Amino acid sequence: MVSVSPLAIEGHRFVRRHRWHALSLAFLALAGCGSSAPLQRDRFYALEPPPSVQAPGNTAASAILLVNHLAARGFLGGRQIVYRDHRQPLLVERYEELLWEEPVPRALSQVMVNAIRDAGLFRVVAIPADRARSDYLLGGEVERFEHRPTEQPPRVIATLNLSLVSTSDRHAVWTRRYSGEERVQGATPDAMAEAFNRLAGRLAGEVVRDLRAFTGLPQFGITRIRSLNISGSTAQIRSIAAGDAR
């Protein structure tokens, strides 16, 4: 007899609950009921990991870094949270009423900007809206950023492909692939969003580590960043109940 863990059961319930909500709304719309059923409001989550704590005394490199918005393919370019059921690994699905406050690529770019600024690695860390002339460009693609609710234990996973480019000769200084996963500590949408935030913060810390090695700055600062992200501190997320269209 095959035993199924309570975490797996909760993951299946999570998927069924949010999938059934979308199907029931579609049925009511087709049926044209005279009385409108109460609608579950969309929930928008922010991707805002806790600020990293920096050791004093860091000296910034005399260079300007421009962090471009990340690219993404398919559903990852939008705001709906993507998930997969391990029983259908090739089927990529989206939650209808669980969304990010802003598209994933832009949100992850801002997470990196905040982490690099906190680390004090460069004289200026600019974004495309600044229209600044830079010495280096940091950009790339979000390959994966999804919820795995039916795995044991449930988790979120992410993969980023990044490149650091010198603007003087368009030479790629380095190319890196950052991957990770984070366990979801609960069977609620809030717990899922908190796990995504912890994972985003940890990956941003790894980017800072590699940038620090490139600029030749001391390594003691990144130790503080990584210990904060790995400690399991609760992410600072905001859940906004709203009924407006995505």
C-alpha atoms as a PDB file:
ATOM      1  CA  MET A   1       0.000   0.000   0.000  1.00  0.00           C
ATOM      2  CA  VAL A   2       1.392   3.400  -1.027  1.00  0.00           C
ATOM      3  CA  SER A   3       1.414   6.023   1.706  1.00  0.00           C
ATOM      4  CA  VAL A   4       0.830   9.681   0.866  1.00  0.00           C
ATOM      5  CA  SER A   5       2.225  12.369   3.126  1.00  0.00           C
ATOM      6  CA  PRO A   6      -0.044  15.067   4.614  1.00  0.00           C
ATOM      7  CA  LEU A   7       2.006  17.709   2.756  1.00  0.00           C
ATOM      8  CA  ALA A   8       1.249  16.077  -0.585  1.00  0.00           C
ATOM      9  CA  ILE A   9      -2.452  15.899   0.266  1.00  0.00           C
ATOM     10  CA  GLU A  10      -2.462  19.610   1.131  1.00  0.00           C
ATOM     11  CA  GLY A  11      -0.702  20.382  -2.152  1.00  0.00           C
ATOM     12  CA  HIS A  12      -3.363  18.549  -4.147  1.00  0.00           C
ATOM     13  CA  ARG A  13      -6.085  20.383  -2.228  1.00  0.00           C
ATOM     14  CA  PHE A  14      -4.383  23.715  -2.941  1.00  0.00           C
ATOM     15  CA  VAL A  15      -4.426  23.045  -6.683  1.00  0.00           C
ATOM     16  CA  ARG A  16      -8.000  21.722  -6.713  1.00  0.00           C
ATOM     17  CA  ARG A  17      -9.296  24.650  -4.673  1.00  0.00           C
ATOM     18  CA  HIS A  18      -7.950  27.340  -6.993  1.00  0.00           C
ATOM     19  CA  ARG A  19      -8.650  25.369 -10.170  1.00  0.00           C
ATOM     20  CA  TRP A  20     -12.280  24.719  -9.092  1.00  0.00           C
ATOM     21  CA  HIS A  21     -12.785  28.406  -8.399  1.00  0.00           C
ATOM     22  CA  ALA A  22     -11.874  29.298 -11.992  1.00  0.00           C
ATOM     23  CA  LEU A  23     -14.111  26.561 -13.443  1.00  0.00           C
ATOM     24  CA  SER A  24     -17.099  27.566 -11.322  1.00  0.00           C
ATOM     25  CA  LEU A  25     -16.835  31.192 -12.444  1.00  0.00           C
ATOM     26  CA  ALA A  26     -16.757  30.110 -16.084  1.00  0.00           C
ATOM     27  CA  PHE A  27     -19.833  27.904 -15.577  1.00  0.00           C
ATOM     28  CA  LEU A  28     -21.794  30.740 -13.966  1.00  0.00           C
ATOM     29  CA  ALA A  29     -20.894  33.074 -16.798  1.00  0.00           C
ATOM     30  CA  LEU A  30     -22.113  30.594 -19.423  1.00  0.00           C
ATOM     31  CA  ALA A  31     -25.273  29.777 -17.513  1.00  0.00           C
ATOM     32  CA  GLY A  32     -26.233  33.427 -17.296  1.00  0.00           C
ATOM     33  CA  CYS A  33     -27.680  33.132 -13.800  1.00  0.00           C
ATOM     34  CA  GLY A  34     -30.090  35.852 -12.769  1.00  0.00           C
ATOM     35  CA  SER A  35     -28.410  36.335  -9.405  1.00  0.00           C
ATOM     36  CA  SER A  36     -24.695  36.965  -9.382  1.00  0.00           C
ATOM     37  CA  ALA A  37     -22.602  34.675  -7.212  1.00  0.00           C
ATOM     38  CA  PRO A  38     -20.070  36.196  -4.824  1.00  0.00           C
ATOM     39  CA  LEU A  39     -16.714  36.428  -6.563  1.00  0.00           C
ATOM     40  CA  GLN A  40     -13.429  35.680  -4.881  1.00  0.00           C
ATOM     41  CA  ARG A  41     -11.251  38.729  -5.257  1.00  0.00           C
ATOM     42  CA  ASP A  42      -7.865  38.615  -6.928  1.00  0.00           C
ATOM     43  CA  ARG A  43      -4.917  38.598  -4.549  1.00  0.00           C
ATOM     44  CA  PHE A  44      -1.844  40.538  -5.623  1.00  0.00           C
ATOM     45  CA  TYR A  45       1.484  39.713  -3.970  1.00  0.00           C
ATOM     46  CA  ALA A  46       4.608  41.850  -3.906  1.00  0.00           C
ATOM     47  CA  LEU A  47       8.043  40.377  -4.471  1.00  0.00           C
ATOM     48  CA  GLU A  48       9.946  42.284  -1.786  1.00  0.00           C
ATOM     49  CA  PRO A  49      12.493  40.244   0.212  1.00  0.00           C
ATOM     50  CA  PRO A  50      13.658  41.746   3.522  1.00  0.00           C
ATOM     51  CA  PRO A  51      16.432  44.353   3.117  1.00  0.00           C
ATOM     52  CA  SER A  52      19.894  42.909   3.605  1.00  0.00           C
ATOM     53  CA  VAL A  53      22.045  44.034   6.532  1.00  0.00           C
ATOM     54  CA  GLN A  54      25.418  45.415   5.474  1.00  0.00           C
ATOM     55  CA  ALA A  55      28.643  45.589   7.458  1.00  0.00           C
ATOM     56  CA  PRO A  56      30.087  49.143   7.598  1.00  0.00           C
ATOM     57  CA  GLY A  57      33.222  50.195   5.816  1.00  0.00           C
ATOM     58  CA  ASN A  58      32.645  48.904   2.263  1.00  0.00           C
ATOM     59  CA  THR A  59      34.205  50.995  -0.506  1.00  0.00           C
ATOM     60  CA  ALA A  60      32.232  51.223  -3.735  1.00  0.00           C
ATOM     61  CA  ALA A  61      33.918  50.653  -7.076  1.00  0.00           C
ATOM     62  CA  SER A  62      34.200  53.823  -9.167  1.00  0.00           C
ATOM     63  CA  ALA A  63      31.857  52.507 -11.841  1.00  0.00           C
ATOM     64  CA  ILE A  64      28.210  52.756 -12.827  1.00  0.00           C
ATOM     65  CA  LEU A  65      26.197  49.549 -13.149  1.00  0.00           C
ATOM     66  CA  LEU A  66      22.964  49.495 -15.151  1.00  0.00           C
ATOM     67  CA  VAL A  67      20.586  46.672 -14.222  1.00  0.00           C
ATOM     68  CA  ASN A  68      18.301  45.995 -17.172  1.00  0.00           C
ATOM     69  CA  HIS A  69      14.816  44.539 -16.898  1.00  0.00           C
ATOM     70  CA  LEU A  70      15.004  40.782 -17.236  1.00  0.00           C
ATOM     71  CA  ALA A  71      13.468  38.970 -20.182  1.00  0.00           C
ATOM     72  CA  ALA A  72      11.069  36.036 -19.863  1.00  0.00           C
ATOM     73  CA  ARG A  73       9.210  33.697 -22.164  1.00  0.00           C
ATOM     74  CA  GLY A  74       5.588  32.644 -22.119  1.00  0.00           C
ATOM     75  CA  PHE A  75       3.608  32.890 -18.903  1.00  0.00           C
ATOM     76  CA  LEU A  76       6.642  34.084 -16.915  1.00  0.00           C
ATOM     77  CA  GLY A  77       6.386  37.457 -18.603  1.00  0.00           C
ATOM     78  CA  GLY A  78       3.033  38.141 -16.945  1.00  0.00           C
ATOM     79  CA  ARG A  79       1.623  38.537 -13.458  1.00  0.00           C
ATOM     80  CA  GLN A  80      -0.264  35.296 -12.868  1.00  0.00           C
ATOM     81  CA  ILE A  81       1.614  32.892 -10.602  1.00  0.00           C
ATOM     82  CA  VAL A  82       2.748  29.824 -12.528  1.00  0.00           C
ATOM     83  CA  TYR A  83       2.562  26.291 -11.119  1.00  0.00           C
ATOM     84  CA  ARG A  84       3.034  22.659 -12.155  1.00  0.00           C
ATOM     85  CA  ASP A  85       1.526  19.437 -10.905  1.00  0.00           C
ATOM     86  CA  HIS A  86       4.224  16.768 -10.605  1.00  0.00           C
ATOM     87  CA  ARG A  87       1.798  14.242 -12.117  1.00  0.00           C
ATOM     88  CA  GLN A  88       1.779  16.296 -15.354  1.00  0.00           C
ATOM     89  CA  PRO A  89       5.286  17.801 -15.495  1.00  0.00           C
ATOM     90  CA  LEU A  90       4.927  19.098 -19.061  1.00  0.00           C
ATOM     91  CA  LEU A  91       1.711  20.987 -18.306  1.00  0.00           C
ATOM     92  CA  VAL A  92       2.339  24.595 -17.238  1.00  0.00           C
ATOM     93  CA  GLU A  93      -0.623  26.264 -15.518  1.00  0.00           C
ATOM     94  CA  ARG A  94      -1.485  29.600 -13.915  1.00  0.00           C
ATOM     95  CA  TYR A  95      -3.567  30.495 -10.889  1.00  0.00           C
ATOM     96  CA  GLU A  96      -6.485  32.661 -11.951  1.00  0.00           C
ATOM     97  CA  GLU A  97      -6.823  34.809  -8.829  1.00  0.00           C
ATOM     98  CA  LEU A  98      -3.272  34.653  -7.412  1.00  0.00           C
ATOM     99  CA  LEU A  99      -1.079  37.252  -9.089  1.00  0.00           C
ATOM    100  CA  TRP A 100       2.086  39.267  -8.646  1.00  0.00           C
ATOM    101  CA  GLU A 101       1.782  42.988  -8.078  1.00  0.00           C
ATOM    102  CA  GLU A 102       3.946  43.543 -11.158  1.00  0.00           C
ATOM    103  CA  PRO A 103       5.328  41.224 -13.862  1.00  0.00           C
ATOM    104  CA  VAL A 104       7.910  38.737 -12.616  1.00  0.00           C
ATOM    105  CA  PRO A 105      10.866  39.951 -14.762  1.00  0.00           C
ATOM    106  CA  ARG A 106      10.506  43.555 -13.605  1.00  0.00           C
ATOM    107  CA  ALA A 107      10.001  42.530  -9.976  1.00  0.00           C
ATOM    108  CA  LEU A 108      13.088  40.295  -9.930  1.00  0.00           C
ATOM    109  CA  SER A 109      15.158  43.045 -11.565  1.00  0.00           C
ATOM    110  CA  GLN A 110      14.168  45.399  -8.756  1.00  0.00           C
ATOM    111  CA  VAL A 111      15.043  42.773  -6.133  1.00  0.00           C
ATOM    112  CA  MET A 112      18.564  42.623  -7.594  1.00  0.00           C
ATOM    113  CA  VAL A 113      18.829  46.410  -7.783  1.00  0.00           C
ATOM    114  CA  ASN A 114      17.928  46.748  -4.110  1.00  0.00           C
ATOM    115  CA  ALA A 115      20.403  44.048  -3.051  1.00  0.00           C
ATOM    116  CA  ILE A 116      23.283  45.525  -5.078  1.00  0.00           C
ATOM    117  CA  ARG A 117      22.583  49.030  -3.788  1.00  0.00           C
ATOM    118  CA  ASP A 118      22.457  47.759  -0.209  1.00  0.00           C
ATOM    119  CA  ALA A 119      25.828  46.069  -0.719  1.00  0.00           C
ATOM    120  CA  GLY A 120      27.443  49.335  -1.848  1.00  0.00           C
ATOM    121  CA  LEU A 121      29.395  47.654  -4.648  1.00  0.00           C
ATOM    122  CA  PHE A 122      29.176  50.411  -7.267  1.00  0.00           C
ATOM    123  CA  ARG A 123      29.227  54.186  -7.220  1.00  0.00           C
ATOM    124  CA  VAL A 124      25.812  54.178  -8.913  1.00  0.00           C
ATOM    125  CA  VAL A 125      23.353  51.357  -9.568  1.00  0.00           C
ATOM    126  CA  ALA A 126      21.000  52.598 -12.280  1.00  0.00           C
ATOM    127  CA  ILE A 127      17.849  51.268 -13.929  1.00  0.00           C
ATOM    128  CA  PRO A 128      16.673  51.841 -17.538  1.00  0.00           C
ATOM    129  CA  ALA A 129      14.381  54.700 -16.482  1.00  0.00           C
ATOM    130  CA  ASP A 130      17.429  56.657 -15.261  1.00  0.00           C
ATOM    131  CA  ARG A 131      18.803  56.839 -18.827  1.00  0.00           C
ATOM    132  CA  ALA A 132      22.298  56.883 -17.349  1.00  0.00           C
ATOM    133  CA  ARG A 133      25.515  56.096 -19.197  1.00  0.00           C
ATOM    134  CA  SER A 134      27.011  53.063 -17.534  1.00  0.00           C
ATOM    135  CA  ASP A 135      30.272  51.158 -17.371  1.00  0.00           C
ATOM    136  CA  TYR A 136      28.629  47.754 -16.993  1.00  0.00           C
ATOM    137  CA  LEU A 137      25.285  46.164 -17.852  1.00  0.00           C
ATOM    138  CA  LEU A 138      23.658  43.375 -15.854  1.00  0.00           C
ATOM    139  CA  GLY A 139      20.812  41.569 -17.584  1.00  0.00           C
ATOM    140  CA  GLY A 140      19.451  38.221 -18.620  1.00  0.00           C
ATOM    141  CA  GLU A 141      16.388  36.009 -18.531  1.00  0.00           C
ATOM    142  CA  VAL A 142      14.013  34.423 -16.047  1.00  0.00           C
ATOM    143  CA  GLU A 143      13.980  30.783 -17.090  1.00  0.00           C
ATOM    144  CA  ARG A 144      11.806  29.449 -14.270  1.00  0.00           C
ATOM    145  CA  PHE A 145       9.805  30.898 -11.383  1.00  0.00           C
ATOM    146  CA  GLU A 146       7.016  28.566 -10.372  1.00  0.00           C
ATOM    147  CA  HIS A 147       5.120  26.872  -7.567  1.00  0.00           C
ATOM    148  CA  ARG A 148       5.239  23.094  -7.117  1.00  0.00           C
ATOM    149  CA  PRO A 149       2.288  22.505  -4.748  1.00  0.00           C
ATOM    150  CA  THR A 150       1.989  18.723  -5.173  1.00  0.00           C
ATOM    151  CA  GLU A 151       5.612  17.799  -4.538  1.00  0.00           C
ATOM    152  CA  GLN A 152       6.751  16.401  -1.202  1.00  0.00           C
ATOM    153  CA  PRO A 153       7.289  18.810   0.410  1.00  0.00           C
ATOM    154  CA  PRO A 154       5.606  21.620  -1.589  1.00  0.00           C
ATOM    155  CA  ARG A 155       8.141  24.142  -2.836  1.00  0.00           C
ATOM    156  CA  VAL A 156       8.855  27.026  -5.175  1.00  0.00           C
ATOM    157  CA  ILE A 157      11.708  26.939  -7.675  1.00  0.00           C
ATOM    158  CA  ALA A 158      13.543  29.543  -9.746  1.00  0.00           C
ATOM    159  CA  THR A 159      16.256  29.765 -12.394  1.00  0.00           C
ATOM    160  CA  LEU A 160      17.881  32.975 -13.657  1.00  0.00           C
ATOM    161  CA  ASN A 161      20.437  33.294 -16.469  1.00  0.00           C
ATOM    162  CA  LEU A 162      22.461  36.501 -16.085  1.00  0.00           C
ATOM    163  CA  SER A 163      25.359  38.199 -17.871  1.00  0.00           C
ATOM    164  CA  LEU A 164      27.607  41.072 -16.835  1.00  0.00           C
ATOM    165  CA  VAL A 165      28.703  43.066 -19.890  1.00  0.00           C
ATOM    166  CA  SER A 166      31.275  45.844 -20.239  1.00  0.00           C
ATOM    167  CA  THR A 167      29.783  48.746 -22.198  1.00  0.00           C
ATOM    168  CA  SER A 168      33.171  49.864 -23.522  1.00  0.00           C
ATOM    169  CA  ASP A 169      33.613  46.862 -25.817  1.00  0.00           C
ATOM    170  CA  ARG A 170      30.367  44.870 -25.275  1.00  0.00           C
ATOM    171  CA  HIS A 171      32.477  42.055 -23.848  1.00  0.00           C
ATOM    172  CA  ALA A 172      30.749  39.597 -21.513  1.00  0.00           C
ATOM    173  CA  VAL A 173      32.691  39.723 -18.253  1.00  0.00           C
ATOM    174  CA  TRP A 174      30.848  36.678 -16.943  1.00  0.00           C
ATOM    175  CA  THR A 175      27.742  34.624 -17.532  1.00  0.00           C
ATOM    176  CA  ARG A 176      26.052  32.880 -14.628  1.00  0.00           C
ATOM    177  CA  ARG A 177      23.117  30.547 -14.013  1.00  0.00           C
ATOM    178  CA  TYR A 178      21.379  30.903 -10.647  1.00  0.00           C
ATOM    179  CA  SER A 179      18.993  28.173  -9.530  1.00  0.00           C
ATOM    180  CA  GLY A 180      17.331  27.371  -6.249  1.00  0.00           C
ATOM    181  CA  GLU A 181      14.268  26.126  -4.457  1.00  0.00           C
ATOM    182  CA  GLU A 182      12.517  26.980  -1.206  1.00  0.00           C
ATOM    183  CA  ARG A 183      10.134  24.903   0.847  1.00  0.00           C
ATOM    184  CA  VAL A 184       6.619  26.312   1.303  1.00  0.00           C
ATOM    185  CA  GLN A 185       5.905  26.369   5.030  1.00  0.00           C
ATOM    186  CA  GLY A 186       2.133  26.031   4.879  1.00  0.00           C
ATOM    187  CA  ALA A 187      -0.773  25.295   2.541  1.00  0.00           C
ATOM    188  CA  THR A 188      -1.926  28.881   1.958  1.00  0.00           C
ATOM    189  CA  PRO A 189      -1.263  31.412  -0.810  1.00  0.00           C
ATOM    190  CA  ASP A 190       0.500  33.649   1.725  1.00  0.00           C
ATOM    191  CA  ALA A 191       2.924  30.840   2.606  1.00  0.00           C
ATOM    192  CA  MET A 192       3.641  30.329  -1.085  1.00  0.00           C
ATOM    193  CA  ALA A 193       4.363  34.044  -1.612  1.00  0.00           C
ATOM    194  CA  GLU A 194       6.647  34.118   1.432  1.00  0.00           C
ATOM    195  CA  ALA A 195       8.632  31.192   0.016  1.00  0.00           C
ATOM    196  CA  PHE A 196       9.004  32.994  -3.324  1.00  0.00           C
ATOM    197  CA  ASN A 197      10.302  36.051  -1.465  1.00  0.00           C
ATOM    198  CA  ARG A 198      12.842  34.054   0.519  1.00  0.00           C
ATOM    199  CA  LEU A 199      14.077  32.391  -2.667  1.00  0.00           C
ATOM    200  CA  ALA A 200      14.335  35.675  -4.581  1.00  0.00           C
ATOM    201  CA  GLY A 201      16.318  37.197  -1.725  1.00  0.00           C
ATOM    202  CA  ARG A 202      18.721  34.279  -1.627  1.00  0.00           C
ATOM    203  CA  LEU A 203      19.359  34.354  -5.381  1.00  0.00           C
ATOM    204  CA  ALA A 204      19.932  38.110  -5.234  1.00  0.00           C
ATOM    205  CA  GLY A 205      22.499  37.447  -2.507  1.00  0.00           C
ATOM    206  CA  GLU A 206      24.331  35.053  -4.827  1.00  0.00           C
ATOM    207  CA  VAL A 207      24.395  37.719  -7.551  1.00  0.00           C
ATOM    208  CA  VAL A 208      25.877  40.191  -5.059  1.00  0.00           C
ATOM    209  CA  ARG A 209      28.504  37.599  -4.095  1.00  0.00           C
ATOM    210  CA  ASP A 210      29.666  37.263  -7.713  1.00  0.00           C
ATOM    211  CA  LEU A 211      29.643  41.017  -8.296  1.00  0.00           C
ATOM    212  CA  ARG A 212      31.676  41.530  -5.136  1.00  0.00           C
ATOM    213  CA  ALA A 213      34.267  39.036  -6.368  1.00  0.00           C
ATOM    214  CA  PHE A 214      34.427  40.896  -9.699  1.00  0.00           C
ATOM    215  CA  THR A 215      34.892  44.345  -8.169  1.00  0.00           C
ATOM    216  CA  GLY A 216      37.551  43.004  -5.815  1.00  0.00           C
ATOM    217  CA  LEU A 217      35.822  44.183  -2.662  1.00  0.00           C
ATOM    218  CA  PRO A 218      36.145  42.309   0.678  1.00  0.00           C
ATOM    219  CA  GLN A 219      33.909  39.298   1.127  1.00  0.00           C
ATOM    220  CA  PHE A 220      32.737  39.911   4.677  1.00  0.00           C
ATOM    221  CA  GLY A 221      29.644  41.851   3.623  1.00  0.00           C
ATOM    222  CA  ILE A 222      28.058  39.026   1.647  1.00  0.00           C
ATOM    223  CA  THR A 223      28.279  36.732   4.656  1.00  0.00           C
ATOM    224  CA  ARG A 224      25.788  38.959   6.406  1.00  0.00           C
ATOM    225  CA  ILE A 225      23.468  38.951   3.397  1.00  0.00           C
ATOM    226  CA  ARG A 226      23.439  35.194   2.939  1.00  0.00           C
ATOM    227  CA  SER A 227      22.957  34.461   6.638  1.00  0.00           C
ATOM    228  CA  LEU A 228      19.921  36.737   6.703  1.00  0.00           C
ATOM    229  CA  ASN A 229      18.284  35.113   3.690  1.00  0.00           C
ATOM    230  CA  ILE A 230      18.989  31.533   4.697  1.00  0.00           C
ATOM    231  CA  SER A 231      17.811  31.987   8.274  1.00  0.00           C
ATOM    232  CA  GLY A 232      14.166  31.625   7.225  1.00  0.00           C
ATOM    233  CA  SER A 233      13.129  35.147   8.220  1.00  0.00           C
ATOM    234  CA  THR A 234       9.557  35.943   7.254  1.00  0.00           C
ATOM    235  CA  ALA A 235       9.441  37.832   3.958  1.00  0.00           C
ATOM    236  CA  GLN A 236       7.957  41.301   3.913  1.00  0.00           C
ATOM    237  CA  ILE A 237       5.072  40.708   1.524  1.00  0.00           C
ATOM    238  CA  ARG A 238       1.938  42.676   0.894  1.00  0.00           C
ATOM    239  CA  SER A 239      -1.324  41.017  -0.042  1.00  0.00           C
ATOM    240  CA  ILE A 240      -3.760  43.338  -1.807  1.00  0.00           C
ATOM    241  CA  ALA A 241      -7.361  42.241  -2.214  1.00  0.00           C
ATOM    242  CA  ALA A 242      -8.730  43.784  -5.387  1.00  0.00           C
ATOM    243  CA  GLY A 243     -11.355  43.049  -7.969  1.00  0.00           C
ATOM    244  CA  ASP A 244      -9.874  44.970 -10.868  1.00  0.00           C
ATOM    245  CA  ALA A 245      -8.822  43.285 -14.079  1.00  0.00           C
ATOM    246  CA  ARG A 246      -5.263  42.042 -14.425  1.00  0.00           C
END
